[in-house]
């Protein structure tokens, strides 16, 4: 009985640790998603306030990202 109880306690501790790690990863994903939304103007408050310019801003952001990416790749090939 004692061995089974100790094993059950250990399994519970491992399960709690896995759950904590899962929650931490989930928090990180939410923070990254929120950061991305703010940076791209997709945040609900920002997008409602800037609705007419939204598509233009997205296009400009995409152009800047592509330009930066191509610049980075051209520097790496040197």
C-alpha atoms as a PDB file:
ATOM      1  CA  UNK A   1       0.000   0.000   0.000  1.00  0.00           C
ATOM      2  CA  UNK A   2       2.773   2.424   0.919  1.00  0.00           C
ATOM      3  CA  UNK A   3       4.504   2.026  -2.460  1.00  0.00           C
ATOM      4  CA  UNK A   4       1.273   2.580  -4.373  1.00  0.00           C
ATOM      5  CA  UNK A   5       0.528   5.671  -2.301  1.00  0.00           C
ATOM      6  CA  UNK A   6       4.007   7.117  -2.896  1.00  0.00           C
ATOM      7  CA  UNK A   7       3.724   6.395  -6.615  1.00  0.00           C
ATOM      8  CA  UNK A   8       0.318   8.102  -6.717  1.00  0.00           C
ATOM      9  CA  UNK A   9       1.734  11.155  -4.925  1.00  0.00           C
ATOM     10  CA  UNK A  10       4.633  11.303  -7.387  1.00  0.00           C
ATOM     11  CA  UNK A  11       2.273  10.987 -10.359  1.00  0.00           C
ATOM     12  CA  UNK A  12       0.141  13.811  -8.967  1.00  0.00           C
ATOM     13  CA  UNK A  13       3.208  16.037  -8.586  1.00  0.00           C
ATOM     14  CA  UNK A  14       4.292  15.268 -12.155  1.00  0.00           C
ATOM     15  CA  UNK A  15       0.778  15.973 -13.426  1.00  0.00           C
ATOM     16  CA  UNK A  16       0.695  19.316 -11.594  1.00  0.00           C
ATOM     17  CA  UNK A  17       4.101  20.255 -13.024  1.00  0.00           C
ATOM     18  CA  UNK A  18       2.948  19.390 -16.556  1.00  0.00           C
ATOM     19  CA  UNK A  19      -0.189  21.475 -16.043  1.00  0.00           C
ATOM     20  CA  UNK A  20       1.866  24.452 -14.824  1.00  0.00           C
ATOM     21  CA  UNK A  21       4.141  24.197 -17.875  1.00  0.00           C
ATOM     22  CA  UNK A  22       1.116  23.945 -20.175  1.00  0.00           C
ATOM     23  CA  UNK A  23      -0.445  27.048 -18.604  1.00  0.00           C
ATOM     24  CA  UNK A  24       2.829  28.960 -18.923  1.00  0.00           C
ATOM     25  CA  UNK A  25       3.105  28.045 -22.620  1.00  0.00           C
ATOM     26  CA  UNK A  26      -0.512  29.065 -23.126  1.00  0.00           C
ATOM     27  CA  UNK A  27       0.153  32.430 -21.438  1.00  0.00           C
ATOM     28  CA  UNK A  28       3.176  32.992 -23.688  1.00  0.00           C
ATOM     29  CA  UNK A  29       1.122  32.218 -26.793  1.00  0.00           C
ATOM     30  CA  UNK A  30      -1.593  34.643 -25.696  1.00  0.00           C
ATOM     31  CA  UNK A  31       0.992  37.361 -25.004  1.00  0.00           C
ATOM     32  CA  UNK A  32       2.602  36.844 -28.412  1.00  0.00           C
ATOM     33  CA  UNK A  33      -0.780  36.908 -30.120  1.00  0.00           C
ATOM     34  CA  UNK A  34      -1.729  40.087 -28.274  1.00  0.00           C
ATOM     35  CA  UNK A  35       1.607  41.694 -29.130  1.00  0.00           C
ATOM     36  CA  UNK A  36       1.208  40.775 -32.785  1.00  0.00           C
ATOM     37  CA  UNK A  37      -2.331  42.153 -32.802  1.00  0.00           C
ATOM     38  CA  UNK A  38      -1.176  45.455 -31.350  1.00  0.00           C
ATOM     39  CA  UNK A  39       1.776  45.713 -33.745  1.00  0.00           C
ATOM     40  CA  UNK A  40      -0.373  45.042 -36.795  1.00  0.00           C
ATOM     41  CA  UNK A  41      -3.288  47.202 -35.665  1.00  0.00           C
ATOM     42  CA  UNK A  42      -5.546  44.183 -35.317  1.00  0.00           C
ATOM     43  CA  UNK A  43      -6.278  44.954 -31.696  1.00  0.00           C
ATOM     44  CA  UNK A  44     -10.033  45.438 -31.414  1.00  0.00           C
ATOM     45  CA  UNK A  45      -9.828  48.969 -30.043  1.00  0.00           C
ATOM     46  CA  UNK A  46      -7.284  50.077 -32.609  1.00  0.00           C
ATOM     47  CA  UNK A  47      -8.998  48.458 -35.564  1.00  0.00           C
ATOM     48  CA  UNK A  48     -12.348  50.036 -34.740  1.00  0.00           C
ATOM     49  CA  UNK A  49     -10.781  53.459 -34.359  1.00  0.00           C
ATOM     50  CA  UNK A  50      -8.828  53.172 -37.627  1.00  0.00           C
ATOM     51  CA  UNK A  51     -11.240  51.212 -39.828  1.00  0.00           C
ATOM     52  CA  UNK A  52     -10.939  53.241 -43.073  1.00  0.00           C
ATOM     53  CA  UNK A  53      -7.140  53.102 -43.069  1.00  0.00           C
ATOM     54  CA  UNK A  54      -6.941  49.489 -41.976  1.00  0.00           C
ATOM     55  CA  UNK A  55      -6.292  47.935 -45.395  1.00  0.00           C
ATOM     56  CA  UNK A  56      -3.739  50.589 -46.311  1.00  0.00           C
ATOM     57  CA  UNK A  57      -1.897  50.005 -43.037  1.00  0.00           C
ATOM     58  CA  UNK A  58      -1.878  46.257 -43.592  1.00  0.00           C
ATOM     59  CA  UNK A  59      -0.514  46.729 -47.106  1.00  0.00           C
ATOM     60  CA  UNK A  60       2.174  49.088 -45.858  1.00  0.00           C
ATOM     61  CA  UNK A  61       3.132  46.722 -43.062  1.00  0.00           C
ATOM     62  CA  UNK A  62       3.371  43.843 -45.512  1.00  0.00           C
ATOM     63  CA  UNK A  63       5.590  45.879 -47.854  1.00  0.00           C
ATOM     64  CA  UNK A  64       7.874  46.888 -44.986  1.00  0.00           C
ATOM     65  CA  UNK A  65       8.150  43.319 -43.750  1.00  0.00           C
ATOM     66  CA  UNK A  66       8.955  42.023 -47.234  1.00  0.00           C
ATOM     67  CA  UNK A  67      11.536  44.778 -47.747  1.00  0.00           C
ATOM     68  CA  UNK A  68      13.160  44.016 -44.402  1.00  0.00           C
ATOM     69  CA  UNK A  69      13.173  40.296 -45.110  1.00  0.00           C
ATOM     70  CA  UNK A  70      14.740  40.715 -48.543  1.00  0.00           C
ATOM     71  CA  UNK A  71      17.330  43.116 -47.076  1.00  0.00           C
ATOM     72  CA  UNK A  72      18.189  40.573 -44.368  1.00  0.00           C
ATOM     73  CA  UNK A  73      18.572  37.775 -46.918  1.00  0.00           C
ATOM     74  CA  UNK A  74      20.706  39.906 -49.228  1.00  0.00           C
ATOM     75  CA  UNK A  75      23.041  40.765 -46.335  1.00  0.00           C
ATOM     76  CA  UNK A  76      23.343  37.095 -45.384  1.00  0.00           C
ATOM     77  CA  UNK A  77      24.390  36.129 -48.888  1.00  0.00           C
ATOM     78  CA  UNK A  78      27.351  38.540 -48.768  1.00  0.00           C
END
